[in-house]
Protein backbone atom coordinates (compact mmCIF):
# COMPACT_ATOMS: atom_id res chain seq x y z
CA UNK A 1 -12.37 -37.27 16.41
CA UNK A 2 -10.37 -34.50 18.51
CA UNK A 3 -7.47 -36.42 18.91
CA UNK A 4 -7.15 -37.10 15.02
CA UNK A 5 -7.91 -33.36 14.07
CA UNK A 6 -5.72 -32.10 16.98
CA UNK A 7 -2.63 -34.68 15.45
CA UNK A 8 -2.85 -34.01 11.93
CA UNK A 9 -2.94 -29.66 12.98
CA UNK A 10 -0.15 -30.63 15.08
CA UNK A 11 1.52 -32.55 12.24
CA UNK A 12 0.66 -29.74 9.46
CA UNK A 13 2.20 -27.32 11.68
CA UNK A 14 5.80 -29.23 12.05
CA UNK A 15 5.71 -29.99 8.59
CA UNK A 16 5.48 -26.15 7.97
CA UNK A 17 7.95 -25.19 10.66
CA UNK A 18 10.41 -28.12 8.96
CA UNK A 19 10.24 -26.03 5.88
CA UNK A 20 11.25 -22.60 7.49
CA UNK A 21 7.91 -21.28 7.09
CA UNK A 22 6.15 -19.11 10.20
CA UNK A 23 2.56 -19.80 11.61
CA UNK A 24 0.75 -17.36 9.04
CA UNK A 25 2.64 -19.06 6.45
CA UNK A 26 4.70 -16.18 5.66
CA UNK A 27 6.51 -13.68 7.33
CA UNK A 28 3.78 -9.99 7.43
CA UNK A 29 6.66 -8.04 6.42
CA UNK A 30 7.01 -9.81 3.04
CA UNK A 31 5.40 -7.99 0.07
CA UNK A 32 4.15 -10.67 -2.92
CA UNK A 33 3.84 -8.66 -6.21
CA UNK A 34 1.59 -10.68 -8.86
CA UNK A 35 1.46 -9.86 -12.76
CA UNK A 36 -1.46 -11.23 -14.07
CA UNK A 37 -2.52 -11.48 -17.85
CA UNK A 38 -5.64 -9.91 -19.53
CA UNK A 39 -7.39 -13.10 -18.37
CA UNK A 40 -6.44 -13.30 -15.42
CA UNK A 41 -3.86 -16.19 -15.88
CA UNK A 42 -0.68 -15.41 -13.61
CA UNK A 43 2.18 -14.12 -15.49
CA UNK A 44 4.80 -13.64 -12.50
CA UNK A 45 4.68 -13.61 -9.21
CA UNK A 46 7.85 -11.98 -6.77
CA UNK A 47 7.92 -11.83 -3.16
CA UNK A 48 10.16 -9.22 -1.34
CA UNK A 49 10.91 -8.41 2.00
CA UNK A 50 11.86 -5.01 3.62
CA UNK A 51 15.32 -4.80 2.38
CA UNK A 52 14.83 -5.51 -1.01
CA UNK A 53 11.29 -2.87 -1.25
CA UNK A 54 14.18 -0.40 0.75
CA UNK A 55 16.64 -1.08 -2.16
CA UNK A 56 14.45 0.36 -4.57
CA UNK A 57 14.76 4.35 -5.74
CA UNK A 58 12.87 5.73 -2.85
CA UNK A 59 10.55 9.01 -3.04
CA UNK A 60 9.60 11.04 -0.19
CA UNK A 61 7.17 13.46 0.40
CA UNK A 62 5.25 14.97 3.48
CA UNK A 63 2.02 14.98 3.81
CA UNK A 64 -0.96 15.39 6.45
CA UNK A 65 -3.12 12.02 6.27
CA UNK A 66 -6.98 12.17 8.11
CA UNK A 67 -4.75 9.13 10.46
CA UNK A 68 -1.57 10.72 11.59
CA UNK A 69 -1.25 13.78 13.73
CA UNK A 70 0.11 16.71 11.89
CA UNK A 71 2.41 16.32 8.88
CA UNK A 72 4.66 13.13 8.40
CA UNK A 73 7.12 12.64 6.13
CA UNK A 74 6.37 8.76 3.98
CA UNK A 75 8.80 6.85 1.80
CA UNK A 76 8.95 4.27 -0.18
CA UNK A 77 9.22 3.10 -4.16
CA UNK A 78 6.50 4.82 -6.44
CA UNK A 79 3.96 1.99 -7.29
CA UNK A 80 5.25 2.68 -10.69
CA UNK A 81 8.69 1.13 -10.14
CA UNK A 82 7.09 -1.64 -8.18
CA UNK A 83 5.00 -2.54 -11.36
CA UNK A 84 7.85 -2.47 -13.64
CA UNK A 85 9.75 -4.93 -11.78
CA UNK A 86 7.55 -7.66 -14.02
CA UNK A 87 8.46 -6.08 -17.03
CA UNK A 88 5.51 -5.13 -19.48
CA UNK A 89 2.87 -2.32 -19.52
CA UNK A 90 0.63 -2.21 -16.24
CA UNK A 91 -3.04 -0.29 -16.41
CA UNK A 92 -3.97 -0.57 -12.67
CA UNK A 93 -2.99 -2.64 -9.47
CA UNK A 94 -5.17 -4.55 -6.74
CA UNK A 95 -3.93 -3.71 -3.52
CA UNK A 96 -4.90 -6.49 -0.93
CA UNK A 97 -4.42 -5.71 3.01
CA UNK A 98 -3.85 -8.42 6.05
CA UNK A 99 -7.41 -8.37 6.81
CA UNK A 100 -8.21 -8.95 3.05
CA UNK A 101 -9.48 -5.28 2.72
CA UNK A 102 -8.78 -4.77 -1.26
CA UNK A 103 -8.69 -1.48 -3.60
CA UNK A 104 -7.96 -1.33 -7.32
CA UNK A 105 -5.19 1.28 -7.86
CA UNK A 106 -4.94 3.22 -11.67
CA UNK A 107 -1.53 3.36 -13.07
CA UNK A 108 -2.53 7.20 -13.28
CA UNK A 109 -2.04 7.15 -9.64
CA UNK A 110 1.26 6.57 -9.92
CA UNK A 111 1.87 7.74 -13.49
CA UNK A 112 0.45 11.31 -12.29
CA UNK A 113 -0.71 11.70 -9.05
CA UNK A 114 2.43 10.41 -7.06
CA UNK A 115 0.59 7.40 -5.29
CA UNK A 116 3.67 5.29 -3.46
CA UNK A 117 3.81 2.49 -1.32
CA UNK A 118 5.77 3.55 1.70
CA UNK A 119 7.72 1.52 3.93
CA UNK A 120 9.06 4.22 6.08
CA UNK A 121 6.97 7.32 8.30
CA UNK A 122 9.30 10.22 9.57
CA UNK A 123 12.47 7.82 8.88
CA UNK A 124 11.05 4.81 10.54
CA UNK A 125 9.69 1.27 9.40
CA UNK A 126 6.03 1.44 10.06
CA UNK A 127 5.32 -1.66 12.48
CA UNK A 128 2.02 -4.09 11.48
CA UNK A 129 0.48 -2.45 14.87
CA UNK A 130 0.52 1.17 12.91
CA UNK A 131 -0.07 0.74 9.44
CA UNK A 132 2.68 -0.60 8.08
CA UNK A 133 4.75 -2.07 7.15
CA UNK A 134 3.38 -1.05 3.94
CA UNK A 135 0.87 2.00 2.82
CA UNK A 136 -0.46 3.25 -0.07
CA UNK A 137 0.42 6.64 0.18
CA UNK A 138 -0.37 9.72 -2.06
CA UNK A 139 1.07 13.36 -1.28
CA UNK A 140 -2.86 14.53 -0.56
CA UNK A 141 -1.52 17.61 1.16
CA UNK A 142 -0.28 18.78 -2.01
CA UNK A 143 -3.80 18.56 -4.12
CA UNK A 144 -7.25 19.31 -2.44
CA UNK A 145 -8.71 16.78 -4.86
CA UNK A 146 -6.50 14.19 -3.32
CA UNK A 147 -7.86 14.70 0.39
CA UNK A 148 -11.07 13.16 -0.44
CA UNK A 149 -12.73 9.65 0.35
CA UNK A 150 -12.20 8.51 -3.22
CA UNK A 151 -8.74 8.73 -2.85
CA UNK A 152 -8.36 7.86 1.31
CA UNK A 153 -10.01 4.57 -0.21
CA UNK A 154 -7.33 3.61 -2.00
CA UNK A 155 -5.08 4.09 0.90
CA UNK A 156 -4.45 0.78 1.67
CA UNK A 157 -2.36 -0.06 5.21
CA UNK A 158 -0.73 -3.46 6.37
CA UNK A 159 -0.29 -4.03 2.41
CA UNK A 160 0.46 -7.85 1.70
CA UNK A 161 -0.41 -8.31 -1.71
CA UNK A 162 -0.22 -6.36 -4.65
CA UNK A 163 -1.64 -8.03 -8.07
CA UNK A 164 -0.74 -5.75 -11.24
CA UNK A 165 -2.88 -6.19 -14.20
CA UNK A 166 -1.26 -5.94 -17.51
CA UNK A 167 -2.47 -4.51 -20.60
């Protein structure tokens, strides 16, 4: 029985490798964007690598966070820029981290509060081991209402998926 299971697993890994799939079945630096209708049905899906994320218009701001020392400069696309790639109005985003932590981020957060998907901190790509490759970031030093546990909970790091809910 153990031999059969080991053989099946080896065959599965060999098939995945032949298709160019990594051991985790996806590169952890890939960002998966999905747009879902009101009924929850998938409308569109797009996978971006870091180069594609950085090719989008970038927003940059300097802020302090509870998880970093001193002021840090973050840059990346607005969550609104990512949402617009689906071609339909979006009401919110469900952001999921590599460890499956999830948080809803309403459209108001990128429309009026400046929420971005940071890909760089202080000009450097963020490694997975240090909250990267993507981190939902707010300019919390610019508005004291953002420097609260309520918004800290929305600052998901190690982002892997963003599911946009279409209006």
